[in-house]
Amino acid sequence: MLTLVHLMVSLGMLVIVPLGLSLVQVPGGTTARRWWLAAAVPGVLSLWLGRGPLSVTLASIYLAGTLVLVGLATADLVRRRRLRAREVALYTALVTPAIAALALVAERSSYELFGFNLTVLSLTVAHFHFAGFAAALVACLVVESDSDRATTAAAVSVPLGTGIVLLGFFLGDPVELLGAAVLTAGMWLVGWAMWRRSRTAERVPKVLLVISAGTLVVTMLLALSWALGHVAATPYLPLRWMVATHGVANALGFALCGLLAWRLLKESDEAR
């Protein structure tokens, strides 16, 4: 299971984050994206080495790279002096890789940060690259593309749901269930917005948008069943199957296909 998690995290570090950064405008973002692999490659290497001083050092380099993104979000917020739905989603996307990187450093050092075991920390690294960065960044893109009540709600509820899920790690399963419900609502609104956008897109981005939107229907139902099953006596998939289904589908079907679609849409707009 951890091998599969590490593969997905590697995808997040090497592809999802720099691809996402290429799709949004934030001062310093272009420079950060150009230098991103200098932090991401050590981060990926740390995943595949045994736990110890070397992997901790490499993970710490990745953490430093993610803190640059936090700095970009902070500087942009100070510059704008206002917080709209777009910025809520954008800043969430820029901050969440640092949460993932902190969990990675702790896991590579065999330190049970906040009392969480090493498996939970490994899953946290994956969660905040995809349910954190990718989800919030796509929410930012949909509200940029077509700002209405639905996309505005998506741009707010996705970060809110992600934050409540994080609180649930500390406050218990009922809070995590609430976060999963809010996040699911937000992600389905994101999926609805992507499906609407697909109707006017060219063939390849259309297919990618439909795959990305359709994936969310299934993966978020799985997330809800998982969270509900830890509160009430309802069935849910074992952890290994959640990683193989919910995790892989979100990484490939939602995040990768979705961001590639927005990349193609942006290139098409720039060519006009």
Foldseek 3Di string as FASTA:
>chain_A
DLVLLLVLLLCLQPPQVLLLLVQDDFVPSVVLSVCSCVLSVLQSVLSPDAQDDSSLVSLVSNLVSLVVLLVRLVVRCVVVVDDALLSLLSNQLSNLLNVLSVLSSCLSNQHCVVVNGNVVSSVSNLCSSQLTNLQSSLLSVLCVVPNDPLSSLLSNQSSVLVVQLVVCVVVHLVSNLVSLVSNLSSLLSSLVSLQVVLVPDDDQLSVLSPQQSVLSVPLSVLVNQVSVVRVDVGDHDPPVVNCVRNVVCSSVRHRVSNSVSSVVVVVVVVVD
